[in-house]
Every structure is written in C-alpha cells, then in structure tokens.
Amino acid sequence: MQAKKELDLTIYHAHPVTGEFIGVGEARIDPLDDTFLLIPAHACQVKPPEVSAQQAAVLADGEWSVKPDYRGLIYSTSTGEAHQYHDIGELPEGFTSVKWPGEDFVWTSEGWELDTVARAAREAERERAWRNEEVDRVKWLRERHRDEQEMQEPTTLTAEQYAEVLSYLQLLRNWPQSELFPDSSQRPAIPEGVALALATED
C-alpha cells in the first residue's frame, strides 16, 4: 500500500492592509478532509521572494511581488525637510530617502551636493556678524578713554592698553578683506590687555 503523502503545512502571512510579508506559520488540516488545508485570509503557500533594503514582498491576488519600501523618514529635495512616509511603493515626486546632509546642500541628478557658493556666502555673513558684535563689544573702551582724556581725568586704560584697543579695532575692520576670511579659526586674536580690560568691567 502506498504511503500517504505528508502535507506541507507551511504558509506565508501578509499584512491585511499593506499586503507585505509579515511571517511564516502553519495551516490547519481540515477535520472533514485530511487532504485539504485551511489557509486563512491574507496567507498563501507560495514562498515570498527575497528582498533587499528598502524593498518589501507584497501579496496581491495570490501572487508575491517586490515593491520599493521607503517607509520612515524621507526628505524634500527642495528644502531638505524630513517627513514621515507610511506607504509601500515609489516615493512621491520631490522626495528622496537619502538623508539631507545639512545647510548648503542641494539636490542634483547626482544626489545631494554642496553648494559651495551658498556655503561661502553664509560663512561670510556669519563672520561679518561676529566682527560687528566684537567691534561693538570693544569700541566703548576707546570712547571712554577719549572722554576721560577730554575731561582731563585719570584714564582707566593704560597707554599700552589703549594702543591695543585701537590696533584690535583696526584688525576687526580689516578682517573681511583678509585672505583668511571667513575661516573662523583665523579670526583676529584679542590682545591680552584688551581682554583684561573687558574682564575687569564684567
């Protein structure tokens, strides 16, 4: 007598909404017909295909297909702004799954690329703002010294400190014209006497 062939009970489950493969299980044998399997909805005995990163195996009409899967953070190619994406399939136009590297990067046919012109302009603007703030922080020492001299009062700064103030202010004015501008690590160094005078007034 020929041995009864054992049934393969392995089934592959798909998500009821997205259709994506979510796991392996076992079918039940029909108690009225031991040659028939009870396979639940959203499952089949066809093994899903292998997928790589940013792909999903999706079941539709009993057949598996491989679709793009970019769920998670995606990025606007016009602004770099991050958005949560919840759908399986191709990304909408104007978005990429490649993380925006940050300010001054723009999207091109090659991906995100640094806009060197924009970067240089932003760094120059930042350094000019720093220079202006530093001038404002220091110039009152010069003005107070001049006032004290005009009123023939003892000066708070020594002659050496006053000379350092004038020299430092001139360096600050010339900073945007320097070949090293706008490298913040190359900013004019504050003289010791000026730093001491400012610290004394804090």
N, C-alpha and C. Protein backbone atom coordinates (compact mmCIF):
# COMPACT_ATOMS: atom_id res chain seq x y z
N MET A 1 0.85 -1.20 0.00
CA MET A 1 0.00 0.00 0.00
C MET A 1 0.88 1.25 0.00
N GLN A 2 0.58 2.18 -0.85
CA GLN A 2 1.40 3.38 -0.98
C GLN A 2 1.20 4.29 0.22
N ALA A 3 2.34 4.77 0.76
CA ALA A 3 2.27 5.64 1.94
C ALA A 3 1.60 6.96 1.58
N LYS A 4 0.84 7.43 2.54
CA LYS A 4 0.13 8.70 2.32
C LYS A 4 1.13 9.85 2.33
N LYS A 5 1.05 10.72 1.33
CA LYS A 5 1.98 11.85 1.24
C LYS A 5 1.67 12.87 2.32
N GLU A 6 2.74 13.27 3.04
CA GLU A 6 2.57 14.24 4.12
C GLU A 6 2.36 15.64 3.54
N LEU A 7 1.38 16.33 4.09
CA LEU A 7 1.09 17.67 3.59
C LEU A 7 2.10 18.69 4.13
N ASP A 8 2.48 19.63 3.27
CA ASP A 8 3.31 20.76 3.71
C ASP A 8 2.38 21.81 4.31
N LEU A 9 2.52 22.03 5.60
CA LEU A 9 1.63 22.95 6.30
C LEU A 9 2.13 24.40 6.29
N THR A 10 3.30 24.63 5.74
CA THR A 10 3.90 25.97 5.79
C THR A 10 3.07 26.98 4.98
N ILE A 11 2.77 28.08 5.62
CA ILE A 11 2.07 29.17 4.93
C ILE A 11 2.79 30.48 5.23
N TYR A 12 2.55 31.47 4.38
CA TYR A 12 3.22 32.77 4.49
C TYR A 12 2.16 33.85 4.63
N HIS A 13 2.26 34.59 5.72
CA HIS A 13 1.23 35.58 6.04
C HIS A 13 1.58 36.95 5.46
N ALA A 14 0.54 37.64 5.02
CA ALA A 14 0.68 39.01 4.52
C ALA A 14 -0.15 39.94 5.39
N HIS A 15 0.30 41.18 5.48
CA HIS A 15 -0.45 42.18 6.27
C HIS A 15 -1.79 42.44 5.58
N PRO A 16 -2.88 42.47 6.35
CA PRO A 16 -4.20 42.64 5.72
C PRO A 16 -4.41 43.98 5.02
N VAL A 17 -3.63 44.99 5.37
CA VAL A 17 -3.79 46.31 4.75
C VAL A 17 -2.75 46.54 3.67
N THR A 18 -1.47 46.34 4.02
CA THR A 18 -0.40 46.66 3.07
C THR A 18 -0.07 45.51 2.14
N GLY A 19 -0.42 44.28 2.54
CA GLY A 19 -0.08 43.12 1.73
C GLY A 19 1.34 42.64 1.92
N GLU A 20 2.12 43.31 2.74
CA GLU A 20 3.53 42.94 2.90
C GLU A 20 3.69 41.66 3.70
N PHE A 21 4.74 40.91 3.39
CA PHE A 21 5.04 39.67 4.11
C PHE A 21 5.37 39.99 5.56
N ILE A 22 4.68 39.26 6.48
CA ILE A 22 4.90 39.54 7.91
C ILE A 22 5.32 38.31 8.71
N GLY A 23 5.33 37.13 8.09
CA GLY A 23 5.80 35.99 8.86
C GLY A 23 5.34 34.65 8.30
N VAL A 24 5.93 33.60 8.88
CA VAL A 24 5.64 32.22 8.46
C VAL A 24 4.78 31.55 9.53
N GLY A 25 3.87 30.71 9.10
CA GLY A 25 3.03 29.97 10.04
C GLY A 25 2.71 28.59 9.51
N GLU A 26 1.74 27.95 10.15
CA GLU A 26 1.30 26.63 9.71
C GLU A 26 -0.21 26.62 9.51
N ALA A 27 -0.61 26.01 8.43
CA ALA A 27 -2.05 25.87 8.16
C ALA A 27 -2.61 24.73 8.99
N ARG A 28 -3.92 24.74 9.19
CA ARG A 28 -4.59 23.63 9.87
C ARG A 28 -5.17 22.68 8.82
N ILE A 29 -5.19 21.42 9.18
CA ILE A 29 -5.79 20.43 8.28
C ILE A 29 -7.30 20.41 8.52
N ASP A 30 -8.02 20.40 7.43
CA ASP A 30 -9.49 20.35 7.52
C ASP A 30 -9.90 19.06 8.24
N PRO A 31 -10.62 19.19 9.36
CA PRO A 31 -11.01 17.98 10.10
C PRO A 31 -11.96 17.07 9.30
N LEU A 32 -12.61 17.59 8.27
CA LEU A 32 -13.53 16.78 7.46
C LEU A 32 -12.84 16.18 6.24
N ASP A 33 -11.66 16.72 5.92
CA ASP A 33 -10.93 16.23 4.75
C ASP A 33 -9.44 16.41 5.01
N ASP A 34 -8.77 15.34 5.40
CA ASP A 34 -7.36 15.47 5.81
C ASP A 34 -6.42 15.66 4.63
N THR A 35 -6.97 15.83 3.46
CA THR A 35 -6.12 16.17 2.29
C THR A 35 -6.23 17.65 1.95
N PHE A 36 -7.00 18.35 2.76
CA PHE A 36 -7.27 19.77 2.45
C PHE A 36 -6.79 20.65 3.60
N LEU A 37 -6.12 21.76 3.26
CA LEU A 37 -5.60 22.69 4.27
C LEU A 37 -6.54 23.88 4.43
N LEU A 38 -6.69 24.30 5.67
CA LEU A 38 -7.45 25.52 5.96
C LEU A 38 -6.45 26.69 6.03
N ILE A 39 -6.42 27.43 4.95
CA ILE A 39 -5.47 28.57 4.87
C ILE A 39 -6.24 29.85 5.13
N PRO A 40 -5.83 30.62 6.14
CA PRO A 40 -6.57 31.83 6.48
C PRO A 40 -6.43 32.91 5.40
N ALA A 41 -7.27 33.90 5.53
CA ALA A 41 -7.18 35.04 4.61
C ALA A 41 -5.82 35.71 4.76
N HIS A 42 -5.36 36.33 3.70
CA HIS A 42 -4.09 37.06 3.68
C HIS A 42 -2.91 36.13 3.94
N ALA A 43 -3.00 34.93 3.43
CA ALA A 43 -1.90 33.98 3.54
C ALA A 43 -1.91 33.08 2.31
N CYS A 44 -0.77 32.44 2.05
CA CYS A 44 -0.68 31.51 0.93
C CYS A 44 0.48 30.56 1.18
N GLN A 45 0.58 29.53 0.32
CA GLN A 45 1.68 28.59 0.46
C GLN A 45 2.84 28.92 -0.46
N VAL A 46 2.69 29.97 -1.23
CA VAL A 46 3.78 30.39 -2.12
C VAL A 46 4.80 31.20 -1.32
N LYS A 47 6.03 30.78 -1.37
CA LYS A 47 7.08 31.47 -0.61
C LYS A 47 7.35 32.84 -1.22
N PRO A 48 7.43 33.88 -0.38
CA PRO A 48 7.69 35.22 -0.93
C PRO A 48 9.12 35.35 -1.43
N PRO A 49 9.36 36.24 -2.37
CA PRO A 49 10.72 36.42 -2.90
C PRO A 49 11.63 37.10 -1.88
N GLU A 50 12.92 36.90 -2.05
CA GLU A 50 13.90 37.58 -1.21
C GLU A 50 13.89 39.08 -1.56
N VAL A 51 14.06 39.91 -0.55
CA VAL A 51 14.10 41.35 -0.78
C VAL A 51 15.35 41.93 -0.14
N SER A 52 15.76 43.07 -0.64
CA SER A 52 16.92 43.78 -0.09
C SER A 52 16.42 45.00 0.69
N ALA A 53 17.36 45.82 1.12
CA ALA A 53 16.99 47.02 1.87
C ALA A 53 16.08 47.90 1.02
N GLN A 54 15.11 48.53 1.68
CA GLN A 54 14.15 49.42 1.05
C GLN A 54 13.32 48.72 -0.02
N GLN A 55 13.03 47.44 0.25
CA GLN A 55 12.10 46.67 -0.59
C GLN A 55 11.18 45.87 0.32
N ALA A 56 10.01 45.51 -0.19
CA ALA A 56 9.07 44.68 0.54
C ALA A 56 8.42 43.70 -0.41
N ALA A 57 8.22 42.47 0.07
CA ALA A 57 7.46 41.48 -0.69
C ALA A 57 5.98 41.69 -0.38
N VAL A 58 5.18 41.88 -1.42
CA VAL A 58 3.76 42.22 -1.25
C VAL A 58 2.90 41.18 -1.96
N LEU A 59 1.88 40.71 -1.24
CA LEU A 59 0.97 39.70 -1.78
C LEU A 59 -0.29 40.37 -2.34
N ALA A 60 -0.62 40.03 -3.58
CA ALA A 60 -1.85 40.53 -4.21
C ALA A 60 -2.38 39.47 -5.15
N ASP A 61 -3.65 39.11 -4.97
CA ASP A 61 -4.29 38.09 -5.81
C ASP A 61 -3.50 36.78 -5.82
N GLY A 62 -2.97 36.42 -4.65
CA GLY A 62 -2.28 35.14 -4.52
C GLY A 62 -0.87 35.12 -5.05
N GLU A 63 -0.36 36.27 -5.50
CA GLU A 63 1.00 36.31 -6.05
C GLU A 63 1.81 37.37 -5.32
N TRP A 64 3.09 37.04 -5.14
CA TRP A 64 4.00 37.98 -4.49
C TRP A 64 4.70 38.84 -5.54
N SER A 65 4.95 40.07 -5.17
CA SER A 65 5.77 40.96 -6.00
C SER A 65 6.69 41.76 -5.08
N VAL A 66 7.76 42.27 -5.63
CA VAL A 66 8.71 43.09 -4.86
C VAL A 66 8.46 44.55 -5.18
N LYS A 67 8.22 45.33 -4.13
CA LYS A 67 7.96 46.76 -4.33
C LYS A 67 8.93 47.59 -3.49
N PRO A 68 9.18 48.83 -3.93
CA PRO A 68 10.03 49.72 -3.12
C PRO A 68 9.38 49.98 -1.76
N ASP A 69 10.21 50.10 -0.75
CA ASP A 69 9.71 50.35 0.61
C ASP A 69 10.57 51.41 1.28
N TYR A 70 10.09 52.65 1.23
CA TYR A 70 10.85 53.78 1.80
C TYR A 70 10.20 54.30 3.07
N ARG A 71 9.40 53.48 3.72
CA ARG A 71 8.71 53.94 4.91
C ARG A 71 9.71 54.39 5.98
N GLY A 72 9.34 55.47 6.63
CA GLY A 72 10.24 56.09 7.59
C GLY A 72 10.48 57.53 7.18
N LEU A 73 11.65 58.05 7.49
CA LEU A 73 11.96 59.44 7.15
C LEU A 73 12.37 59.56 5.69
N ILE A 74 11.74 60.49 4.99
CA ILE A 74 12.16 60.86 3.65
C ILE A 74 12.39 62.37 3.65
N TYR A 75 13.02 62.87 2.59
CA TYR A 75 13.49 64.25 2.61
C TYR A 75 13.07 65.00 1.34
N SER A 76 12.59 66.21 1.55
CA SER A 76 12.22 67.05 0.41
C SER A 76 13.47 67.43 -0.36
N THR A 77 13.45 67.25 -1.67
CA THR A 77 14.63 67.60 -2.48
C THR A 77 14.73 69.10 -2.70
N SER A 78 13.71 69.85 -2.33
CA SER A 78 13.78 71.30 -2.49
C SER A 78 14.23 72.00 -1.21
N THR A 79 13.87 71.44 -0.05
CA THR A 79 14.21 72.10 1.22
C THR A 79 15.05 71.24 2.15
N GLY A 80 15.10 69.93 1.90
CA GLY A 80 15.81 69.04 2.81
C GLY A 80 15.00 68.65 4.04
N GLU A 81 13.80 69.20 4.16
CA GLU A 81 12.97 68.95 5.34
C GLU A 81 12.57 67.47 5.40
N ALA A 82 12.62 66.90 6.63
CA ALA A 82 12.29 65.49 6.82
C ALA A 82 10.77 65.32 7.00
N HIS A 83 10.25 64.23 6.45
CA HIS A 83 8.83 63.89 6.59
C HIS A 83 8.73 62.39 6.88
N GLN A 84 7.71 62.01 7.63
CA GLN A 84 7.42 60.60 7.84
C GLN A 84 6.61 60.07 6.66
N TYR A 85 7.07 58.95 6.11
CA TYR A 85 6.39 58.35 4.96
C TYR A 85 5.88 56.97 5.37
N HIS A 86 4.64 56.65 5.04
CA HIS A 86 4.00 55.45 5.57
C HIS A 86 3.58 54.45 4.50
N ASP A 87 3.88 54.70 3.24
CA ASP A 87 3.35 53.86 2.17
C ASP A 87 4.44 53.01 1.52
N ILE A 88 4.02 51.83 1.04
CA ILE A 88 4.90 50.99 0.23
C ILE A 88 4.74 51.41 -1.23
N GLY A 89 5.83 51.52 -1.94
CA GLY A 89 5.77 51.93 -3.34
C GLY A 89 6.76 53.03 -3.61
N GLU A 90 6.73 53.52 -4.83
CA GLU A 90 7.66 54.58 -5.22
C GLU A 90 7.40 55.85 -4.40
N LEU A 91 8.46 56.61 -4.19
CA LEU A 91 8.32 57.88 -3.48
C LEU A 91 7.58 58.89 -4.34
N PRO A 92 6.86 59.81 -3.71
CA PRO A 92 6.25 60.89 -4.49
C PRO A 92 7.32 61.79 -5.07
N GLU A 93 6.98 62.45 -6.14
CA GLU A 93 7.94 63.35 -6.80
C GLU A 93 8.37 64.44 -5.83
N GLY A 94 9.66 64.75 -5.86
CA GLY A 94 10.18 65.81 -5.00
C GLY A 94 10.69 65.32 -3.66
N PHE A 95 10.83 63.99 -3.51
CA PHE A 95 11.33 63.43 -2.25
C PHE A 95 12.38 62.37 -2.52
N THR A 96 13.25 62.18 -1.54
CA THR A 96 14.28 61.15 -1.60
C THR A 96 14.41 60.50 -0.23
N SER A 97 14.90 59.27 -0.24
CA SER A 97 15.15 58.59 1.04
C SER A 97 16.56 58.88 1.55
N VAL A 98 17.36 59.57 0.75
CA VAL A 98 18.74 59.89 1.15
C VAL A 98 18.72 61.09 2.10
N LYS A 99 19.27 60.90 3.27
CA LYS A 99 19.23 61.94 4.29
C LYS A 99 19.90 63.23 3.82
N TRP A 100 19.25 64.35 4.11
CA TRP A 100 19.81 65.67 3.78
C TRP A 100 21.04 65.91 4.67
N PRO A 101 22.22 66.18 4.07
CA PRO A 101 23.42 66.36 4.89
C PRO A 101 23.42 67.63 5.73
N GLY A 102 22.62 68.61 5.33
CA GLY A 102 22.56 69.84 6.12
C GLY A 102 22.60 71.08 5.26
N GLU A 103 22.77 72.21 5.93
CA GLU A 103 22.75 73.51 5.24
C GLU A 103 23.70 73.54 4.06
N ASP A 104 23.27 74.22 3.02
CA ASP A 104 24.06 74.48 1.81
C ASP A 104 24.17 73.27 0.88
N PHE A 105 23.46 72.16 1.18
CA PHE A 105 23.44 71.03 0.27
C PHE A 105 22.16 71.09 -0.57
N VAL A 106 22.30 70.89 -1.87
CA VAL A 106 21.17 70.94 -2.79
C VAL A 106 21.08 69.62 -3.55
N TRP A 107 19.86 69.30 -3.98
CA TRP A 107 19.62 68.04 -4.68
C TRP A 107 19.90 68.21 -6.16
N THR A 108 20.70 67.30 -6.71
CA THR A 108 21.01 67.31 -8.14
C THR A 108 20.77 65.91 -8.69
N SER A 109 21.03 65.73 -9.97
CA SER A 109 20.89 64.40 -10.58
C SER A 109 21.86 63.39 -9.97
N GLU A 110 22.89 63.90 -9.29
CA GLU A 110 23.88 63.03 -8.66
C GLU A 110 23.59 62.81 -7.18
N GLY A 111 22.52 63.41 -6.67
CA GLY A 111 22.21 63.32 -5.24
C GLY A 111 22.47 64.64 -4.55
N TRP A 112 22.65 64.61 -3.23
CA TRP A 112 22.93 65.85 -2.50
C TRP A 112 24.35 66.31 -2.78
N GLU A 113 24.50 67.57 -3.14
CA GLU A 113 25.83 68.13 -3.40
C GLU A 113 25.95 69.48 -2.69
N LEU A 114 27.14 69.76 -2.21
CA LEU A 114 27.40 71.00 -1.51
C LEU A 114 27.40 72.17 -2.48
N ASP A 115 26.60 73.19 -2.18
CA ASP A 115 26.60 74.44 -2.94
C ASP A 115 27.68 75.32 -2.33
N THR A 116 28.85 75.29 -2.93
CA THR A 116 30.00 76.00 -2.35
C THR A 116 29.79 77.51 -2.33
N VAL A 117 29.06 78.03 -3.30
CA VAL A 117 28.79 79.46 -3.33
C VAL A 117 27.91 79.86 -2.16
N ALA A 118 26.85 79.07 -1.93
CA ALA A 118 25.95 79.35 -0.81
C ALA A 118 26.67 79.19 0.52
N ARG A 119 27.52 78.16 0.62
CA ARG A 119 28.27 77.94 1.86
C ARG A 119 29.19 79.12 2.15
N ALA A 120 29.90 79.59 1.12
CA ALA A 120 30.82 80.71 1.31
C ALA A 120 30.06 81.97 1.72
N ALA A 121 28.91 82.21 1.09
CA ALA A 121 28.12 83.40 1.41
C ALA A 121 27.61 83.34 2.84
N ARG A 122 27.15 82.17 3.27
CA ARG A 122 26.63 82.05 4.64
C ARG A 122 27.74 82.22 5.67
N GLU A 123 28.90 81.63 5.39
CA GLU A 123 30.02 81.76 6.33
C GLU A 123 30.51 83.21 6.40
N ALA A 124 30.51 83.89 5.25
CA ALA A 124 30.93 85.28 5.23
C ALA A 124 29.94 86.15 6.02
N GLU A 125 28.65 85.87 5.87
CA GLU A 125 27.64 86.62 6.62
C GLU A 125 27.81 86.39 8.12
N ARG A 126 28.08 85.15 8.50
CA ARG A 126 28.29 84.82 9.91
C ARG A 126 29.49 85.57 10.48
N GLU A 127 30.57 85.59 9.70
CA GLU A 127 31.79 86.25 10.20
C GLU A 127 31.63 87.76 10.28
N ARG A 128 30.90 88.35 9.35
CA ARG A 128 30.66 89.79 9.42
C ARG A 128 29.82 90.12 10.66
N ALA A 129 28.86 89.26 10.94
CA ALA A 129 28.04 89.47 12.14
C ALA A 129 28.89 89.38 13.40
N TRP A 130 29.79 88.39 13.44
CA TRP A 130 30.69 88.28 14.60
C TRP A 130 31.58 89.51 14.70
N ARG A 131 32.14 89.96 13.56
CA ARG A 131 33.02 91.12 13.56
C ARG A 131 32.28 92.35 14.10
N ASN A 132 31.04 92.56 13.64
CA ASN A 132 30.28 93.72 14.09
C ASN A 132 30.00 93.66 15.59
N GLU A 133 29.67 92.47 16.08
CA GLU A 133 29.41 92.32 17.51
C GLU A 133 30.68 92.56 18.33
N GLU A 134 31.79 92.10 17.80
CA GLU A 134 33.06 92.27 18.52
C GLU A 134 33.48 93.74 18.53
N VAL A 135 33.27 94.45 17.45
CA VAL A 135 33.57 95.88 17.42
C VAL A 135 32.73 96.60 18.47
N ASP A 136 31.44 96.28 18.51
CA ASP A 136 30.56 96.92 19.50
C ASP A 136 30.98 96.58 20.92
N ARG A 137 31.49 95.38 21.12
CA ARG A 137 31.89 94.95 22.46
C ARG A 137 33.14 95.68 22.95
N VAL A 138 33.97 96.14 22.01
CA VAL A 138 35.27 96.70 22.37
C VAL A 138 35.32 98.23 22.26
N LYS A 139 34.58 98.79 21.31
CA LYS A 139 34.80 100.20 20.98
C LYS A 139 34.47 101.16 22.11
N TRP A 140 33.61 100.74 23.05
CA TRP A 140 33.29 101.63 24.17
C TRP A 140 34.52 101.89 25.03
N LEU A 141 35.49 100.95 25.03
CA LEU A 141 36.74 101.19 25.77
C LEU A 141 37.48 102.40 25.17
N ARG A 142 37.48 102.45 23.84
CA ARG A 142 38.11 103.59 23.16
C ARG A 142 37.36 104.88 23.46
N GLU A 143 36.04 104.81 23.40
CA GLU A 143 35.25 106.02 23.62
C GLU A 143 35.37 106.52 25.06
N ARG A 144 35.39 105.60 26.01
CA ARG A 144 35.56 106.02 27.40
C ARG A 144 36.92 106.65 27.61
N HIS A 145 37.95 106.08 27.01
CA HIS A 145 39.30 106.62 27.16
C HIS A 145 39.38 108.04 26.60
N ARG A 146 38.75 108.24 25.43
CA ARG A 146 38.76 109.58 24.84
C ARG A 146 38.01 110.58 25.71
N ASP A 147 36.87 110.13 26.26
CA ASP A 147 36.10 111.01 27.15
C ASP A 147 36.91 111.40 28.39
N GLU A 148 37.60 110.43 28.96
CA GLU A 148 38.41 110.70 30.15
C GLU A 148 39.53 111.68 29.83
N GLN A 149 40.11 111.54 28.65
CA GLN A 149 41.17 112.47 28.25
C GLN A 149 40.62 113.88 28.06
N GLU A 150 39.48 114.00 27.38
CA GLU A 150 38.90 115.32 27.14
C GLU A 150 38.50 116.01 28.45
N MET A 151 38.07 115.22 29.41
CA MET A 151 37.69 115.80 30.71
C MET A 151 38.87 115.92 31.65
N GLN A 152 40.06 115.56 31.11
CA GLN A 152 41.31 115.66 31.88
C GLN A 152 41.21 114.89 33.19
N GLU A 153 40.62 113.70 33.08
CA GLU A 153 40.53 112.80 34.22
C GLU A 153 41.52 111.66 34.04
N PRO A 154 41.89 110.97 35.14
CA PRO A 154 42.77 109.81 35.01
C PRO A 154 42.10 108.76 34.13
N THR A 155 42.85 108.17 33.21
CA THR A 155 42.28 107.18 32.30
C THR A 155 42.27 105.80 32.93
N THR A 156 41.20 105.09 32.65
CA THR A 156 41.07 103.72 33.16
C THR A 156 42.06 102.79 32.48
N LEU A 157 42.26 102.99 31.18
CA LEU A 157 43.21 102.18 30.43
C LEU A 157 44.59 102.79 30.50
N THR A 158 45.58 101.91 30.49
CA THR A 158 46.94 102.41 30.34
C THR A 158 47.15 102.80 28.88
N ALA A 159 48.21 103.52 28.61
CA ALA A 159 48.52 103.91 27.24
C ALA A 159 48.72 102.67 26.37
N GLU A 160 49.34 101.65 26.96
CA GLU A 160 49.57 100.41 26.20
C GLU A 160 48.25 99.71 25.88
N GLN A 161 47.36 99.67 26.87
CA GLN A 161 46.06 99.05 26.63
C GLN A 161 45.26 99.81 25.57
N TYR A 162 45.33 101.12 25.63
CA TYR A 162 44.59 101.93 24.66
C TYR A 162 45.12 101.69 23.25
N ALA A 163 46.45 101.57 23.12
CA ALA A 163 47.04 101.29 21.81
C ALA A 163 46.58 99.91 21.31
N GLU A 164 46.45 98.96 22.24
CA GLU A 164 45.98 97.62 21.86
C GLU A 164 44.52 97.67 21.40
N VAL A 165 43.71 98.49 22.07
CA VAL A 165 42.31 98.64 21.67
C VAL A 165 42.22 99.16 20.24
N LEU A 166 42.99 100.21 19.94
CA LEU A 166 42.96 100.79 18.60
C LEU A 166 43.44 99.80 17.55
N SER A 167 44.50 99.06 17.89
CA SER A 167 45.05 98.09 16.96
C SER A 167 44.05 96.96 16.70
N TYR A 168 43.39 96.49 17.77
CA TYR A 168 42.44 95.40 17.63
C TYR A 168 41.22 95.82 16.82
N LEU A 169 40.74 97.03 17.05
CA LEU A 169 39.61 97.53 16.28
C LEU A 169 39.95 97.62 14.79
N GLN A 170 41.17 98.02 14.49
CA GLN A 170 41.58 98.09 13.09
C GLN A 170 41.66 96.70 12.47
N LEU A 171 42.15 95.73 13.24
CA LEU A 171 42.20 94.35 12.74
C LEU A 171 40.80 93.83 12.45
N LEU A 172 39.86 94.18 13.32
CA LEU A 172 38.48 93.75 13.12
C LEU A 172 37.89 94.37 11.86
N ARG A 173 38.16 95.65 11.64
CA ARG A 173 37.65 96.31 10.44
C ARG A 173 38.21 95.66 9.17
N ASN A 174 39.47 95.25 9.25
CA ASN A 174 40.14 94.68 8.07
C ASN A 174 39.85 93.19 7.87
N TRP A 175 39.22 92.55 8.85
CA TRP A 175 39.01 91.10 8.79
C TRP A 175 38.30 90.64 7.52
N PRO A 176 37.22 91.28 7.06
CA PRO A 176 36.56 90.79 5.84
C PRO A 176 37.44 90.87 4.59
N GLN A 177 38.47 91.69 4.60
CA GLN A 177 39.35 91.81 3.44
C GLN A 177 40.52 90.83 3.50
N SER A 178 40.64 90.10 4.59
CA SER A 178 41.76 89.17 4.75
C SER A 178 41.60 87.96 3.84
N GLU A 179 42.72 87.41 3.38
CA GLU A 179 42.70 86.20 2.56
C GLU A 179 42.17 85.01 3.35
N LEU A 180 42.24 85.09 4.68
CA LEU A 180 41.80 84.00 5.54
C LEU A 180 40.31 84.06 5.85
N PHE A 181 39.66 85.18 5.55
CA PHE A 181 38.23 85.36 5.78
C PHE A 181 37.46 84.41 4.85
N PRO A 182 36.41 83.71 5.27
CA PRO A 182 35.73 83.78 6.57
C PRO A 182 36.04 82.62 7.52
N ASP A 183 37.26 82.09 7.49
CA ASP A 183 37.63 80.98 8.37
C ASP A 183 37.64 81.44 9.82
N SER A 184 36.66 80.99 10.61
CA SER A 184 36.52 81.49 11.97
C SER A 184 37.71 81.13 12.85
N SER A 185 38.45 80.09 12.48
CA SER A 185 39.63 79.72 13.28
C SER A 185 40.78 80.70 13.09
N GLN A 186 40.65 81.58 12.10
CA GLN A 186 41.71 82.56 11.80
C GLN A 186 41.30 83.98 12.19
N ARG A 187 40.28 84.12 13.01
CA ARG A 187 39.85 85.45 13.44
C ARG A 187 40.98 86.20 14.13
N PRO A 188 40.95 87.54 14.05
CA PRO A 188 41.95 88.32 14.79
C PRO A 188 41.91 87.97 16.28
N ALA A 189 43.09 87.75 16.85
CA ALA A 189 43.17 87.39 18.26
C ALA A 189 43.09 88.65 19.12
N ILE A 190 42.27 88.58 20.15
CA ILE A 190 42.12 89.75 21.04
C ILE A 190 43.39 89.91 21.88
N PRO A 191 43.96 91.09 21.93
CA PRO A 191 45.17 91.30 22.73
C PRO A 191 44.89 91.07 24.22
N GLU A 192 45.91 90.64 24.93
CA GLU A 192 45.76 90.32 26.34
C GLU A 192 45.27 91.52 27.15
N GLY A 193 45.81 92.69 26.83
CA GLY A 193 45.42 93.88 27.57
C GLY A 193 43.95 94.24 27.37
N VAL A 194 43.45 94.06 26.15
CA VAL A 194 42.05 94.36 25.85
C VAL A 194 41.15 93.34 26.55
N ALA A 195 41.54 92.07 26.49
CA ALA A 195 40.76 91.04 27.18
C ALA A 195 40.69 91.31 28.67
N LEU A 196 41.81 91.73 29.24
CA LEU A 196 41.85 92.02 30.68
C LEU A 196 40.94 93.21 31.02
N ALA A 197 40.97 94.25 30.17
CA ALA A 197 40.13 95.42 30.41
C ALA A 197 38.65 95.06 30.35
N LEU A 198 38.26 94.21 29.38
CA LEU A 198 36.87 93.80 29.28
C LEU A 198 36.45 92.94 30.47
N ALA A 199 37.35 92.04 30.90
CA ALA A 199 37.04 91.17 32.01
C ALA A 199 36.88 91.98 33.30
N THR A 200 37.63 93.03 33.44
CA THR A 200 37.56 93.87 34.64
C THR A 200 36.22 94.57 34.75
N GLU A 201 35.63 94.88 33.58
CA GLU A 201 34.37 95.62 33.57
C GLU A 201 33.16 94.71 33.70
N ASP A 202 33.34 93.38 33.51
CA ASP A 202 32.20 92.47 33.59
C ASP A 202 31.63 92.40 35.00
